[in-house]
Amino acid sequence: MFIMYVLLLLMILLLVAAIVCVGLRAIRWLRTMFDFRRTYVLWTVLVLLPLLFVVGDFLPASGFARAVTLTGGVSIGLFLYALLFTAAADLLALLLRLTPLSRRPAFRSRKTLRAVGCAVLALSVCVSVYGVVNAATIDRTTYSVSFENGDDDGMRIALISDLHLGSEIGSAQMRRVVEEVNACEADIVVIAGDVFNAEVEDCCDLDETAAELRRIKSRLGVYAVLGNHDPSPEYPPLQAFFESAGIRLLNDETVAFSGFTLVGRAESAPIHGDVSEGRKSLAELLAGADRSNPVIVIDHRPAGVDEAVAFGADLIMCGHTHRGQIFPANLIAAWTHGAGRNYGHTVEGNTDVIVTSGVGYWGPPMRTASDAEVVLIQTDLQG
């Protein structure tokens, strides 16, 4: 939780810096083209646009509220990249001052300033548009995992995570996700937490979203765990949604299949409280399980990997990290979670570890540093 609040604080500070820096530079840029005096208009727009992201959460759940929230989110991302490109332009100008080029009249001309401003705006818009489009595009990532024992035929597991249903994401994104999941022709589908972004009621098209998820096809069903953004597992609207969507919630529970045991872990640090002390150990959960079959664990946070490796689980699947989602947050995520715990497929001891970047997003509706993905895991026995 501490890391999450630190990241949130950094985002707020970056946003404030972006508004101030972009505002001051925009005024200079506009004045190279015409006599711009009504600066209060620009400052009002720069402040109000990001605030729409918060305002949308206070409006009744509706298509209009979602449009307001998304507009605010896109603005935040756009201002972030405007700040980064402005900083890059300043750094380039500083380096050029050390060269003979700085003595040329064009270096400080209004025409050059106008061109730099246009370039910063164009690059910021292009990167933001790419991020929005990429966030709505669902890719597939495939991994192969070998078990020492279990079903000789192997199986196909479809893994998704971090749906973040709510004020920004609903049935449209889930339609794309379900199409890719069904294309995997999986034997079982698992959801590694953060099904909702906060409150169930924030999703204005909840019934339509449940109907989309109900279209998922798999031989053994759809199983999910909760993440740090999800409400309590005892929350009636959450339970009703899972029932309507045809998803079985595993909250520190196990399911024994022919050939493997599936373990769904309780979230260790939910936003709405801390259940880490009440979370059972894997040894407790699997006390009566057939250990001759592979043990497959779903745990939202990669923080649960250490216990899974120590226990000797065959496979653990996680989400949570988004692989950073947007630059430069991806650098912070990689540093925070460490190699192998931020994204991808690694092997620790006898345990295969898979961390997905998820299918949704948090904050700005963009993905510039990672892709939204459905993970297909093909299992088989070691030769």
Protein backbone atom coordinates (compact mmCIF):
# COMPACT_ATOMS: atom_id res chain seq x y z
CA MET A 1 0.00 0.00 0.00
CA PHE A 2 2.86 2.38 0.82
CA ILE A 3 4.33 2.02 -2.67
CA MET A 4 0.93 2.65 -4.21
CA TYR A 5 0.50 5.91 -2.28
CA VAL A 6 4.04 6.98 -3.21
CA LEU A 7 3.25 6.38 -6.89
CA LEU A 8 -0.01 8.29 -6.54
CA LEU A 9 1.83 11.23 -4.94
CA LEU A 10 4.42 11.18 -7.72
CA MET A 11 1.65 11.24 -10.32
CA ILE A 12 0.02 14.26 -8.65
CA LEU A 13 3.35 16.11 -8.47
CA LEU A 14 4.07 15.27 -12.11
CA LEU A 15 0.63 16.51 -13.12
CA VAL A 16 1.09 19.82 -11.27
CA ALA A 17 4.53 20.24 -12.83
CA ALA A 18 3.09 19.41 -16.25
CA ILE A 19 0.30 21.98 -15.93
CA VAL A 20 2.66 24.76 -14.80
CA CYS A 21 5.46 23.98 -17.26
CA VAL A 22 3.19 23.34 -20.24
CA GLY A 23 1.12 26.41 -19.43
CA LEU A 24 4.11 28.77 -19.31
CA ARG A 25 5.62 27.33 -22.48
CA ALA A 26 2.26 27.35 -24.29
CA ILE A 27 1.87 31.06 -23.57
CA ARG A 28 5.29 31.79 -25.07
CA TRP A 29 4.50 29.57 -28.05
CA LEU A 30 1.09 31.16 -28.72
CA ARG A 31 2.60 34.64 -28.55
CA THR A 32 4.91 33.75 -31.44
CA MET A 33 1.81 33.45 -33.63
CA PHE A 34 -0.50 36.24 -32.37
CA ASP A 35 -1.00 38.74 -29.57
CA PHE A 36 -2.18 36.33 -26.89
CA ARG A 37 -3.26 38.17 -23.74
CA ARG A 38 -6.09 36.16 -22.22
CA THR A 39 -3.85 33.78 -20.38
CA TYR A 40 -6.56 33.02 -17.82
CA VAL A 41 -8.43 31.12 -20.53
CA LEU A 42 -5.47 28.80 -21.09
CA TRP A 43 -4.89 28.27 -17.36
CA THR A 44 -8.59 27.49 -16.85
CA VAL A 45 -8.52 24.84 -19.58
CA LEU A 46 -5.27 23.31 -18.34
CA VAL A 47 -6.62 22.99 -14.79
CA LEU A 48 -10.18 21.91 -15.59
CA LEU A 49 -9.39 19.19 -18.13
CA PRO A 50 -7.46 16.91 -15.72
CA LEU A 51 -10.05 17.59 -13.00
CA LEU A 52 -12.65 15.92 -15.20
CA PHE A 53 -10.98 12.62 -14.31
CA VAL A 54 -12.04 13.15 -10.68
CA VAL A 55 -15.37 14.83 -11.47
CA GLY A 56 -16.52 11.77 -13.44
CA ASP A 57 -16.29 9.61 -10.31
CA PHE A 58 -18.79 11.86 -8.52
CA LEU A 59 -21.37 11.70 -11.30
CA PRO A 60 -24.02 8.96 -11.41
CA ALA A 61 -22.77 5.98 -13.40
CA SER A 62 -23.66 6.63 -17.03
CA GLY A 63 -22.19 6.92 -20.49
CA PHE A 64 -21.80 10.65 -19.93
CA ALA A 65 -19.88 10.11 -16.68
CA ARG A 66 -17.59 7.64 -18.45
CA ALA A 67 -16.94 10.16 -21.25
CA VAL A 68 -16.09 12.83 -18.66
CA THR A 69 -13.68 10.50 -16.84
CA LEU A 70 -12.01 9.35 -20.05
CA THR A 71 -11.58 12.95 -21.24
CA GLY A 72 -9.86 13.81 -17.97
CA GLY A 73 -7.68 10.71 -18.17
CA VAL A 74 -6.56 11.43 -21.72
CA SER A 75 -5.76 15.01 -20.69
CA ILE A 76 -3.54 13.80 -17.87
CA GLY A 77 -1.62 11.56 -20.24
CA LEU A 78 -1.34 14.30 -22.86
CA PHE A 79 0.00 16.82 -20.32
CA LEU A 80 2.48 14.26 -19.00
CA TYR A 81 3.98 13.73 -22.44
CA ALA A 82 3.93 17.45 -23.19
CA LEU A 83 6.01 17.91 -20.04
CA LEU A 84 8.45 15.16 -21.07
CA PHE A 85 8.89 16.48 -24.61
CA THR A 86 9.25 20.04 -23.30
CA ALA A 87 11.98 18.85 -20.92
CA ALA A 88 13.67 17.02 -23.80
CA ALA A 89 13.56 20.20 -25.93
CA ASP A 90 15.04 22.22 -23.05
CA LEU A 91 17.82 19.69 -22.59
CA LEU A 92 18.60 19.77 -26.32
CA ALA A 93 18.67 23.58 -26.27
CA LEU A 94 21.03 23.49 -23.28
CA LEU A 95 23.41 21.17 -25.11
CA LEU A 96 23.26 23.29 -28.26
CA ARG A 97 24.33 26.34 -26.23
CA LEU A 98 27.67 24.62 -25.82
CA THR A 99 28.17 24.55 -29.58
CA PRO A 100 28.76 27.26 -32.23
CA LEU A 101 25.14 26.81 -33.37
CA SER A 102 23.97 28.87 -30.40
CA ARG A 103 25.53 32.01 -31.93
CA ARG A 104 23.31 31.87 -34.99
CA PRO A 105 20.32 34.26 -34.99
CA ALA A 106 17.93 31.40 -35.79
CA PHE A 107 18.73 29.75 -32.46
CA ARG A 108 16.70 32.35 -30.52
CA SER A 109 14.24 33.43 -33.19
CA ARG A 110 10.46 33.41 -32.86
CA LYS A 111 10.29 31.07 -35.84
CA THR A 112 12.45 28.48 -34.08
CA LEU A 113 10.39 28.76 -30.88
CA ARG A 114 7.20 28.33 -32.91
CA ALA A 115 8.60 25.24 -34.64
CA VAL A 116 9.71 23.68 -31.35
CA GLY A 117 6.27 24.32 -29.85
CA CYS A 118 4.57 22.71 -32.82
CA ALA A 119 6.89 19.69 -32.58
CA VAL A 120 6.21 19.25 -28.85
CA LEU A 121 2.46 19.45 -29.42
CA ALA A 122 2.55 17.06 -32.38
CA LEU A 123 4.70 14.48 -30.57
CA SER A 124 2.54 14.67 -27.42
CA VAL A 125 -0.66 14.16 -29.39
CA CYS A 126 0.82 11.30 -31.46
CA VAL A 127 2.11 9.41 -28.42
CA SER A 128 -1.19 9.93 -26.57
CA VAL A 129 -3.24 8.71 -29.55
CA TYR A 130 -0.98 5.68 -29.84
CA GLY A 131 -1.43 4.99 -26.12
CA VAL A 132 -5.22 5.16 -26.33
CA VAL A 133 -5.37 2.90 -29.40
CA ASN A 134 -2.86 0.44 -27.94
CA ALA A 135 -4.81 0.21 -24.66
CA ALA A 136 -7.88 -0.86 -26.62
CA THR A 137 -5.96 -3.46 -28.65
CA ILE A 138 -5.81 -6.94 -27.12
CA ASP A 139 -2.72 -9.00 -27.98
CA ARG A 140 -1.94 -12.61 -27.24
CA THR A 141 1.23 -13.83 -25.51
CA THR A 142 1.99 -17.55 -25.44
CA TYR A 143 4.16 -19.46 -22.97
CA SER A 144 4.96 -23.16 -22.63
CA VAL A 145 5.19 -24.79 -19.21
CA SER A 146 6.33 -28.35 -18.45
CA PHE A 147 5.22 -30.28 -15.38
CA GLU A 148 6.98 -33.30 -13.90
CA ASN A 149 3.67 -35.08 -13.36
CA GLY A 150 -0.02 -34.77 -14.14
CA ASP A 151 -2.22 -35.12 -17.21
CA ASP A 152 -0.28 -36.64 -20.10
CA ASP A 153 -2.32 -34.66 -22.63
CA GLY A 154 -1.47 -31.28 -21.12
CA MET A 155 -3.89 -28.37 -21.29
CA ARG A 156 -4.34 -24.79 -22.42
CA ILE A 157 -4.80 -22.07 -19.80
CA ALA A 158 -6.01 -18.58 -20.74
CA LEU A 159 -4.87 -15.96 -18.22
CA ILE A 160 -6.25 -12.43 -17.97
CA SER A 161 -5.85 -9.87 -15.23
CA ASP A 162 -6.49 -6.27 -14.21
CA LEU A 163 -9.79 -5.72 -16.00
CA HIS A 164 -10.41 -2.58 -13.89
CA LEU A 165 -14.12 -2.45 -14.70
CA GLY A 166 -15.72 0.80 -13.60
CA SER A 167 -15.87 4.42 -14.59
CA GLU A 168 -13.54 3.94 -17.59
CA ILE A 169 -13.81 0.31 -18.71
CA GLY A 170 -16.91 -1.74 -19.45
CA SER A 171 -18.51 -3.99 -22.04
CA ALA A 172 -16.68 -2.65 -25.13
CA GLN A 173 -13.24 -3.60 -23.82
CA MET A 174 -14.53 -6.91 -22.45
CA ARG A 175 -15.97 -7.78 -25.86
CA ARG A 176 -12.48 -7.52 -27.34
CA VAL A 177 -11.00 -9.49 -24.45
CA VAL A 178 -13.54 -12.31 -24.72
CA GLU A 179 -12.99 -12.63 -28.47
CA GLU A 180 -9.26 -13.15 -27.91
CA VAL A 181 -9.84 -15.52 -24.97
CA ASN A 182 -12.20 -17.68 -27.03
CA ALA A 183 -9.71 -17.70 -29.89
CA CYS A 184 -7.26 -19.40 -27.50
CA GLU A 185 -9.59 -22.43 -27.24
CA ALA A 186 -8.53 -22.81 -23.62
CA ASP A 187 -9.40 -25.70 -21.33
CA ILE A 188 -9.64 -23.30 -18.37
CA VAL A 189 -9.71 -19.51 -18.00
CA VAL A 190 -8.31 -17.71 -14.94
CA ILE A 191 -8.58 -14.07 -13.90
CA ALA A 192 -5.74 -12.86 -11.65
CA GLY A 193 -7.49 -10.06 -9.79
CA ASP A 194 -8.47 -6.38 -10.08
CA VAL A 195 -11.70 -7.29 -11.81
CA PHE A 196 -13.06 -3.91 -10.69
CA ASN A 197 -11.30 -0.58 -10.40
CA ALA A 198 -13.09 0.37 -7.18
CA GLU A 199 -16.85 0.10 -6.71
CA VAL A 200 -19.03 -2.31 -8.66
CA GLU A 201 -21.64 0.40 -9.08
CA ASP A 202 -19.19 2.64 -10.99
CA CYS A 203 -19.63 0.44 -14.08
CA CYS A 204 -22.52 2.01 -16.00
CA ASP A 205 -23.02 -1.03 -18.25
CA LEU A 206 -22.61 -3.71 -15.62
CA ASP A 207 -25.22 -6.11 -17.03
CA GLU A 208 -23.81 -5.84 -20.55
CA THR A 209 -20.30 -6.41 -19.19
CA ALA A 210 -21.43 -9.53 -17.32
CA ALA A 211 -23.11 -10.77 -20.50
CA GLU A 212 -19.86 -10.33 -22.45
CA LEU A 213 -17.86 -12.29 -19.87
CA ARG A 214 -20.52 -14.97 -19.83
CA ARG A 215 -19.64 -15.67 -23.48
CA ILE A 216 -16.23 -17.07 -22.47
CA LYS A 217 -15.92 -20.67 -23.61
CA SER A 218 -13.78 -23.22 -21.78
CA ARG A 219 -14.02 -26.87 -20.90
CA LEU A 220 -13.39 -26.45 -17.17
CA GLY A 221 -14.87 -23.01 -16.52
CA VAL A 222 -13.71 -19.53 -15.49
CA TYR A 223 -12.04 -18.90 -12.11
CA ALA A 224 -11.00 -15.59 -10.55
CA VAL A 225 -9.28 -14.12 -7.52
CA LEU A 226 -9.59 -10.58 -6.23
CA GLY A 227 -6.99 -7.83 -6.38
CA ASN A 228 -6.16 -4.76 -4.33
CA HIS A 229 -8.70 -2.61 -6.22
CA ASP A 230 -11.62 -5.02 -5.77
CA PRO A 231 -14.34 -4.72 -3.11
CA SER A 232 -14.66 -7.26 -0.32
CA PRO A 233 -15.51 -10.81 -1.44
CA GLU A 234 -18.55 -10.62 0.86
CA TYR A 235 -19.94 -7.57 -0.97
CA PRO A 236 -23.34 -8.69 -2.39
CA PRO A 237 -23.14 -6.72 -5.68
CA LEU A 238 -19.74 -8.28 -6.35
CA GLN A 239 -21.07 -11.77 -5.69
CA ALA A 240 -24.07 -11.10 -7.92
CA PHE A 241 -21.82 -9.93 -10.74
CA PHE A 242 -19.64 -13.04 -10.62
CA GLU A 243 -22.71 -15.26 -10.62
CA SER A 244 -24.21 -13.38 -13.57
CA ALA A 245 -20.90 -13.50 -15.47
CA GLY A 246 -20.46 -17.24 -14.89
CA ILE A 247 -17.23 -16.77 -12.96
CA ARG A 248 -16.33 -18.72 -9.82
CA LEU A 249 -14.49 -16.64 -7.24
CA LEU A 250 -11.71 -18.38 -5.32
CA ASN A 251 -10.85 -16.62 -2.07
CA ASP A 252 -8.20 -18.80 -0.42
CA GLU A 253 -9.84 -21.86 -1.91
CA THR A 254 -8.73 -24.88 -3.89
CA VAL A 255 -10.39 -26.85 -6.67
CA ALA A 256 -9.23 -30.37 -7.47
CA PHE A 257 -9.40 -31.31 -11.13
CA SER A 258 -8.44 -34.54 -12.81
CA GLY A 259 -4.72 -33.99 -13.26
CA PHE A 260 -4.07 -30.76 -11.29
CA THR A 261 -5.11 -28.66 -8.30
CA LEU A 262 -6.03 -25.00 -8.71
CA VAL A 263 -5.46 -22.58 -5.81
CA GLY A 264 -7.03 -19.12 -5.73
CA ARG A 265 -5.40 -16.80 -3.18
CA ALA A 266 -7.05 -14.06 -1.13
CA GLU A 267 -5.74 -10.55 -1.82
CA SER A 268 -3.05 -9.71 0.72
CA ALA A 269 -3.47 -5.92 0.80
CA PRO A 270 -6.84 -4.68 -0.52
CA ILE A 271 -7.47 -0.94 -0.68
CA HIS A 272 -10.57 -1.40 1.47
CA GLY A 273 -8.71 -3.14 4.30
CA ASP A 274 -5.86 -5.51 5.15
CA VAL A 275 -6.55 -9.24 5.26
CA SER A 276 -2.93 -10.36 5.14
CA GLU A 277 -3.13 -11.75 8.69
CA GLY A 278 -6.20 -13.81 7.78
CA ARG A 279 -4.74 -15.14 4.55
CA LYS A 280 -4.06 -18.86 4.81
CA SER A 281 -0.73 -20.36 3.88
CA LEU A 282 -0.43 -22.64 0.88
CA ALA A 283 0.44 -25.47 3.24
CA GLU A 284 -2.91 -25.01 4.99
CA LEU A 285 -4.86 -24.72 1.75
CA LEU A 286 -3.28 -27.84 0.25
CA ALA A 287 -3.15 -29.99 3.38
CA GLY A 288 -5.44 -32.63 1.87
CA ALA A 289 -4.53 -32.18 -1.78
CA ASP A 290 -3.08 -34.87 -4.03
CA ARG A 291 0.52 -33.68 -4.35
CA SER A 292 1.19 -36.13 -7.17
CA ASN A 293 -0.66 -33.67 -9.42
CA PRO A 294 0.62 -30.21 -10.38
CA VAL A 295 -0.34 -27.31 -8.10
CA ILE A 296 -1.35 -24.17 -10.02
CA VAL A 297 -1.71 -20.92 -8.05
CA ILE A 298 -3.54 -17.70 -8.96
CA ASP A 299 -2.34 -14.73 -6.89
CA HIS A 300 -2.94 -11.12 -7.88
CA ARG A 301 0.34 -9.70 -6.59
CA PRO A 302 3.77 -11.06 -7.52
CA ALA A 303 4.58 -10.64 -3.82
CA GLY A 304 3.06 -14.11 -3.38
CA VAL A 305 5.70 -15.70 -5.59
CA ASP A 306 8.16 -16.30 -2.72
CA GLU A 307 5.69 -18.47 -0.81
CA ALA A 308 4.72 -20.39 -3.94
CA VAL A 309 8.36 -21.13 -4.75
CA ALA A 310 9.13 -22.16 -1.16
CA PHE A 311 6.10 -24.46 -1.13
CA GLY A 312 7.05 -26.03 -4.44
CA ALA A 313 4.02 -25.01 -6.49
CA ASP A 314 4.37 -25.93 -10.14
CA LEU A 315 2.96 -22.70 -11.57
CA ILE A 316 1.90 -19.31 -10.19
CA MET A 317 0.08 -16.70 -12.30
CA CYS A 318 -0.05 -13.03 -11.28
CA GLY A 319 -1.01 -9.59 -12.55
CA HIS A 320 -1.03 -6.24 -10.74
CA THR A 321 2.02 -4.57 -12.30
CA HIS A 322 0.54 -3.57 -15.70
CA ARG A 323 4.22 -3.73 -16.71
CA GLY A 324 4.21 -0.04 -15.84
CA GLN A 325 1.51 0.77 -18.44
CA ILE A 326 2.90 4.18 -19.45
CA PHE A 327 6.37 5.66 -19.72
CA PRO A 328 8.07 6.52 -17.39
CA ALA A 329 5.98 4.52 -14.88
CA ASN A 330 7.35 1.33 -16.47
CA LEU A 331 10.82 2.20 -15.15
CA ILE A 332 9.44 2.59 -11.62
CA ALA A 333 7.50 -0.67 -11.89
CA ALA A 334 10.55 -2.60 -13.08
CA TRP A 335 12.62 -1.18 -10.20
CA THR A 336 9.88 -1.79 -7.60
CA HIS A 337 9.01 -5.37 -8.50
CA GLY A 338 12.41 -6.53 -9.70
CA ALA A 339 13.48 -8.76 -12.54
CA GLY A 340 11.07 -11.62 -13.20
CA ARG A 341 8.37 -10.17 -10.96
CA ASN A 342 7.35 -7.23 -13.14
CA TYR A 343 6.39 -9.10 -16.31
CA GLY A 344 6.91 -12.26 -18.29
CA HIS A 345 7.76 -15.92 -17.69
CA THR A 346 10.58 -17.02 -15.42
CA VAL A 347 11.43 -20.18 -13.52
CA GLU A 348 12.35 -19.95 -9.83
CA GLY A 349 13.37 -23.23 -8.30
CA ASN A 350 10.80 -25.75 -9.52
CA THR A 351 8.11 -23.10 -10.02
CA ASP A 352 7.12 -21.43 -13.26
CA VAL A 353 6.24 -17.78 -12.62
CA ILE A 354 4.07 -15.86 -15.08
CA VAL A 355 3.19 -12.19 -14.58
CA THR A 356 0.84 -10.61 -17.11
CA SER A 357 0.49 -6.93 -17.99
CA GLY A 358 -3.31 -7.30 -17.87
CA VAL A 359 -6.12 -6.28 -20.20
CA GLY A 360 -7.28 -2.99 -18.64
CA TYR A 361 -5.65 0.17 -17.37
CA TRP A 362 -5.55 2.41 -14.32
CA GLY A 363 -5.55 6.20 -14.55
CA PRO A 364 -4.92 7.56 -18.06
CA PRO A 365 -6.65 5.26 -20.59
CA MET A 366 -3.35 4.65 -22.34
CA ARG A 367 -0.66 2.02 -22.76
CA THR A 368 2.57 3.43 -24.12
CA ALA A 369 5.01 1.14 -22.28
CA SER A 370 3.13 -2.17 -22.32
CA ASP A 371 0.40 -4.01 -24.20
CA ALA A 372 -3.00 -5.27 -23.11
CA GLU A 373 -2.76 -9.02 -23.43
CA VAL A 374 -4.43 -12.38 -23.05
CA VAL A 375 -1.84 -14.96 -21.99
CA LEU A 376 -2.11 -18.49 -23.35
CA ILE A 377 -0.21 -21.08 -21.33
CA GLN A 378 0.35 -24.47 -22.95
CA THR A 379 1.24 -27.14 -20.37
CA ASP A 380 2.75 -30.54 -20.95
CA LEU A 381 4.83 -33.15 -19.16
CA GLN A 382 8.61 -33.06 -19.12
CA GLY A 383 9.96 -35.49 -21.67
